[in-house]
Amino acid sequence: MNTKPNTRTADEERPDTREMVIIHRGLRREARLLVELIAAVPPGDTARATVLAGHFRDYRLGLHNHHHGEDLHLWPALLAKVDLEADAVLRMDTQHERIAQTLTAAEATLPAWESTGGEQERDALVAALSEHRAALVEHLDEEERVLLPLVARHLTQREWRAMGDHFLESTPKPKLLLFLGIVLEDADQAERAAVLAGLPLPARLVWHAVGRPLYRRRTRMVRGSRA
């Protein structure tokens, strides 16, 4: 009988990837709402266009920083440990490039709509965002189905945490409260508790005191009657 004690440290434990599923849920919702909300803006309503253009830019920042963390920390760590599954990891990287291209295409159509509120400009943006959403959902679905099980089998908690640390370090502090709200909005009680437990106590206090009311005001402004 092997009586050797388990000396694995917390950083060496296998990661719990459920938090990524919660993050993805928020990204799917925001990508869908951007298409729906922008498509509903009446022609000429530049005030509403300005609000939604700002929300798109915040969404793009959050998604970019999230994916950049995967590019820097997740894919290399996995490629160093997998063999037969390497093609799936490389496919995720290619999908990131495609998603970035769709965001760039949407960004290119944004100034004309934001400044004029024109119907044609709006419809061009909606088409670009619809293409983005399709690419994003395809990627998130496959990442959950194929990549997260690989992460759970091959990576340590320290390797997994590096991706989240990158997001925290690269994102402006005021925006972190917005992105936390996006993640927590559709989470159930247990999921919210798990996400918040991963934050330092001061950050949790700031979320409850400042972040939650700030996020409620933001969603009312962005979604209007849908909030």
Protein backbone atom coordinates (compact mmCIF):
# COMPACT_ATOMS: atom_id res chain seq x y z
CA MET A 1 0.00 0.00 0.00
CA ASN A 2 1.26 3.48 -0.89
CA THR A 3 1.13 5.56 2.27
CA LYS A 4 3.05 8.53 0.91
CA PRO A 5 1.18 11.69 1.92
CA ASN A 6 -0.25 14.00 -0.72
CA THR A 7 2.20 16.90 -0.82
CA ARG A 8 0.58 18.72 -3.73
CA THR A 9 0.20 22.41 -2.98
CA ALA A 10 -2.90 24.47 -3.74
CA ASP A 11 -1.16 25.97 -6.79
CA GLU A 12 -0.51 22.45 -8.10
CA GLU A 13 -4.14 21.34 -7.83
CA ARG A 14 -6.13 20.90 -11.01
CA PRO A 15 -8.21 23.98 -11.86
CA ASP A 16 -11.96 24.28 -11.60
CA THR A 17 -12.99 25.53 -15.05
CA ARG A 18 -16.63 26.26 -14.25
CA GLU A 19 -15.84 29.95 -13.90
CA MET A 20 -14.98 30.06 -17.60
CA VAL A 21 -18.46 28.79 -18.45
CA ILE A 22 -19.94 31.62 -16.36
CA ILE A 23 -17.77 34.16 -18.19
CA HIS A 24 -18.81 32.74 -21.55
CA ARG A 25 -22.48 33.04 -20.62
CA GLY A 26 -22.03 36.77 -20.12
CA LEU A 27 -20.14 37.16 -23.40
CA ARG A 28 -22.84 35.33 -25.34
CA ARG A 29 -25.54 37.54 -23.82
CA GLU A 30 -23.73 40.80 -24.54
CA ALA A 31 -22.93 39.81 -28.12
CA ARG A 32 -26.61 39.00 -28.68
CA LEU A 33 -27.85 42.18 -27.03
CA LEU A 34 -25.53 44.39 -29.07
CA VAL A 35 -27.11 43.07 -32.25
CA GLU A 36 -30.67 43.39 -30.94
CA LEU A 37 -30.31 46.79 -29.28
CA ILE A 38 -28.52 48.44 -32.19
CA ALA A 39 -30.97 47.01 -34.72
CA ALA A 40 -33.82 48.62 -32.73
CA VAL A 41 -32.39 52.17 -32.75
CA PRO A 42 -34.57 54.53 -34.85
CA PRO A 43 -32.77 56.26 -37.72
CA GLY A 44 -31.28 59.58 -36.68
CA ASP A 45 -31.13 58.84 -32.95
CA THR A 46 -27.49 59.81 -32.45
CA ALA A 47 -27.84 60.05 -28.66
CA ARG A 48 -28.80 56.39 -28.48
CA ALA A 49 -26.10 55.52 -31.02
CA THR A 50 -23.48 57.17 -28.82
CA VAL A 51 -24.55 55.14 -25.77
CA LEU A 52 -24.45 51.83 -27.62
CA ALA A 53 -21.21 52.66 -29.40
CA GLY A 54 -19.60 53.22 -26.01
CA HIS A 55 -20.95 49.90 -24.77
CA PHE A 56 -19.58 48.11 -27.82
CA ARG A 57 -16.12 49.56 -27.18
CA ASP A 58 -16.21 48.40 -23.57
CA TYR A 59 -17.36 44.94 -24.69
CA ARG A 60 -14.55 44.81 -27.22
CA LEU A 61 -11.98 45.76 -24.59
CA GLY A 62 -13.17 43.05 -22.22
CA LEU A 63 -13.24 40.36 -24.89
CA HIS A 64 -9.83 41.40 -26.24
CA ASN A 65 -8.20 41.25 -22.80
CA HIS A 66 -9.86 37.91 -22.05
CA HIS A 67 -8.63 36.38 -25.30
CA HIS A 68 -5.19 37.96 -25.00
CA GLY A 69 -4.80 36.24 -21.64
CA GLU A 70 -5.62 32.92 -23.27
CA ASP A 71 -3.17 33.60 -26.10
CA LEU A 72 -0.35 34.40 -23.68
CA HIS A 73 -0.98 31.87 -20.94
CA LEU A 74 -3.51 29.18 -21.83
CA TRP A 75 -2.56 27.98 -25.31
CA PRO A 76 1.23 27.78 -24.65
CA ALA A 77 0.69 25.94 -21.36
CA LEU A 78 -1.59 23.41 -23.04
CA LEU A 79 0.63 22.91 -26.10
CA ALA A 80 3.51 22.05 -23.79
CA LYS A 81 1.50 19.18 -22.29
CA VAL A 82 -0.74 17.72 -25.00
CA ASP A 83 0.08 15.79 -28.12
CA LEU A 84 -2.90 14.40 -30.03
CA GLU A 85 -5.08 17.32 -28.93
CA ALA A 86 -2.64 20.00 -30.13
CA ASP A 87 -4.66 20.58 -33.29
CA ALA A 88 -7.67 21.59 -31.17
CA VAL A 89 -5.57 24.11 -29.24
CA LEU A 90 -4.23 25.58 -32.49
CA ARG A 91 -7.77 25.77 -33.84
CA MET A 92 -8.79 27.85 -30.81
CA ASP A 93 -5.97 30.26 -31.61
CA THR A 94 -7.15 30.55 -35.21
CA GLN A 95 -10.69 31.23 -34.00
CA HIS A 96 -9.35 34.07 -31.86
CA GLU A 97 -7.90 35.65 -34.99
CA ARG A 98 -11.24 35.34 -36.75
CA ILE A 99 -13.10 36.90 -33.82
CA ALA A 100 -10.61 39.79 -33.75
CA GLN A 101 -11.22 40.35 -37.47
CA THR A 102 -14.98 40.54 -36.96
CA LEU A 103 -14.52 43.05 -34.14
CA THR A 104 -12.29 45.17 -36.34
CA ALA A 105 -14.91 45.07 -39.09
CA ALA A 106 -17.60 46.19 -36.65
CA GLU A 107 -15.36 48.95 -35.29
CA ALA A 108 -14.80 50.23 -38.82
CA THR A 109 -18.55 50.73 -39.35
CA LEU A 110 -19.13 52.32 -35.95
CA PRO A 111 -18.07 55.99 -36.44
CA ALA A 112 -20.41 56.59 -39.38
CA TRP A 113 -23.43 55.28 -37.46
CA GLU A 114 -22.43 57.01 -34.23
CA SER A 115 -22.16 60.39 -35.95
CA THR A 116 -25.21 60.21 -38.24
CA GLY A 117 -27.52 57.55 -36.81
CA GLY A 118 -28.25 56.62 -40.41
CA GLU A 119 -30.30 53.54 -41.22
CA GLN A 120 -27.84 52.15 -43.74
CA GLU A 121 -24.94 52.75 -41.37
CA ARG A 122 -26.87 51.05 -38.57
CA ASP A 123 -27.67 48.04 -40.72
CA ALA A 124 -24.03 47.69 -41.79
CA LEU A 125 -23.00 47.63 -38.14
CA VAL A 126 -25.69 45.09 -37.27
CA ALA A 127 -24.49 42.83 -40.09
CA ALA A 128 -20.90 43.06 -38.84
CA LEU A 129 -21.94 42.35 -35.27
CA SER A 130 -24.07 39.39 -36.36
CA GLU A 131 -21.03 37.90 -38.08
CA HIS A 132 -18.99 38.54 -34.95
CA ARG A 133 -21.57 36.87 -32.75
CA ALA A 134 -21.63 33.76 -34.95
CA ALA A 135 -17.83 33.45 -34.81
CA LEU A 136 -17.80 34.03 -31.05
CA VAL A 137 -20.50 31.47 -30.25
CA GLU A 138 -18.79 28.85 -32.41
CA HIS A 139 -15.55 29.44 -30.53
CA LEU A 140 -17.06 29.47 -27.03
CA ASP A 141 -19.04 26.31 -27.69
CA GLU A 142 -15.98 24.42 -28.87
CA GLU A 143 -13.80 25.78 -26.11
CA GLU A 144 -16.24 24.49 -23.49
CA ARG A 145 -16.68 21.15 -25.22
CA VAL A 146 -13.04 20.41 -26.11
CA LEU A 147 -10.58 22.73 -24.37
CA LEU A 148 -11.88 23.01 -20.83
CA PRO A 149 -11.66 19.23 -20.26
CA LEU A 150 -8.03 19.41 -21.42
CA VAL A 151 -7.37 22.25 -19.00
CA ALA A 152 -8.88 20.27 -16.14
CA ARG A 153 -6.67 17.26 -16.96
CA HIS A 154 -3.36 18.93 -17.78
CA LEU A 155 -2.95 22.33 -16.16
CA THR A 156 -2.31 23.34 -12.57
CA GLN A 157 -4.21 25.97 -10.67
CA ARG A 158 -1.18 28.27 -10.94
CA GLU A 159 -1.13 27.96 -14.73
CA TRP A 160 -4.87 28.52 -14.95
CA ARG A 161 -4.79 31.52 -12.63
CA ALA A 162 -2.17 33.28 -14.78
CA MET A 163 -4.82 33.98 -17.39
CA GLY A 164 -7.14 35.68 -14.90
CA ASP A 165 -4.26 37.62 -13.39
CA HIS A 166 -3.44 38.95 -16.85
CA PHE A 167 -7.00 40.20 -17.27
CA LEU A 168 -6.92 41.97 -13.93
CA GLU A 169 -3.58 43.59 -14.67
CA SER A 170 -4.38 44.69 -18.22
CA THR A 171 -7.89 46.06 -17.65
CA PRO A 172 -8.47 49.59 -16.27
CA LYS A 173 -9.83 49.33 -12.74
CA PRO A 174 -13.13 51.20 -13.44
CA LYS A 175 -13.88 48.75 -16.25
CA LEU A 176 -13.33 45.73 -14.01
CA LEU A 177 -16.56 46.46 -12.14
CA LEU A 178 -18.47 46.53 -15.43
CA PHE A 179 -17.00 43.23 -16.56
CA LEU A 180 -17.65 41.64 -13.18
CA GLY A 181 -21.28 42.71 -13.52
CA ILE A 182 -21.46 41.16 -16.99
CA VAL A 183 -20.13 37.88 -15.61
CA LEU A 184 -22.37 37.80 -12.54
CA GLU A 185 -25.64 38.93 -14.12
CA ASP A 186 -26.97 35.52 -15.12
CA ALA A 187 -25.06 33.52 -12.52
CA ASP A 188 -27.01 31.63 -9.88
CA GLN A 189 -26.29 32.04 -6.18
CA ALA A 190 -23.66 29.30 -6.04
CA GLU A 191 -21.92 30.60 -9.16
CA ARG A 192 -21.84 34.17 -7.84
CA ALA A 193 -20.38 32.95 -4.57
CA ALA A 194 -17.68 30.98 -6.41
CA VAL A 195 -16.67 33.93 -8.61
CA LEU A 196 -16.57 36.40 -5.73
CA ALA A 197 -14.64 33.97 -3.53
CA GLY A 198 -11.78 34.19 -6.01
CA LEU A 199 -11.44 37.93 -5.42
CA PRO A 200 -9.57 39.62 -2.58
CA LEU A 201 -11.76 40.89 0.25
CA PRO A 202 -11.30 44.59 -0.68
CA ALA A 203 -12.45 43.84 -4.22
CA ARG A 204 -15.55 42.05 -2.93
CA LEU A 205 -16.39 45.00 -0.70
CA VAL A 206 -15.99 47.43 -3.60
CA TRP A 207 -18.27 45.28 -5.74
CA HIS A 208 -21.05 45.21 -3.17
CA ALA A 209 -20.77 48.90 -2.26
CA VAL A 210 -20.00 50.43 -5.65
CA GLY A 211 -20.04 47.83 -8.41
CA ARG A 212 -23.58 46.51 -8.12
CA PRO A 213 -25.36 49.89 -8.18
CA LEU A 214 -23.00 51.08 -10.90
CA TYR A 215 -23.78 48.04 -13.03
CA ARG A 216 -27.53 48.46 -12.53
CA ARG A 217 -27.31 52.05 -13.74
CA ARG A 218 -25.23 50.97 -16.70
CA THR A 219 -27.66 48.27 -17.79
CA ARG A 220 -30.62 50.66 -17.52
CA MET A 221 -28.79 53.18 -19.69
CA VAL A 222 -27.70 50.62 -22.30
CA ARG A 223 -30.84 48.49 -22.46
CA GLY A 224 -33.51 51.09 -21.85
CA SER A 225 -36.88 49.39 -21.52
CA ARG A 226 -35.22 45.96 -21.53
CA ALA A 227 -33.37 46.56 -18.26
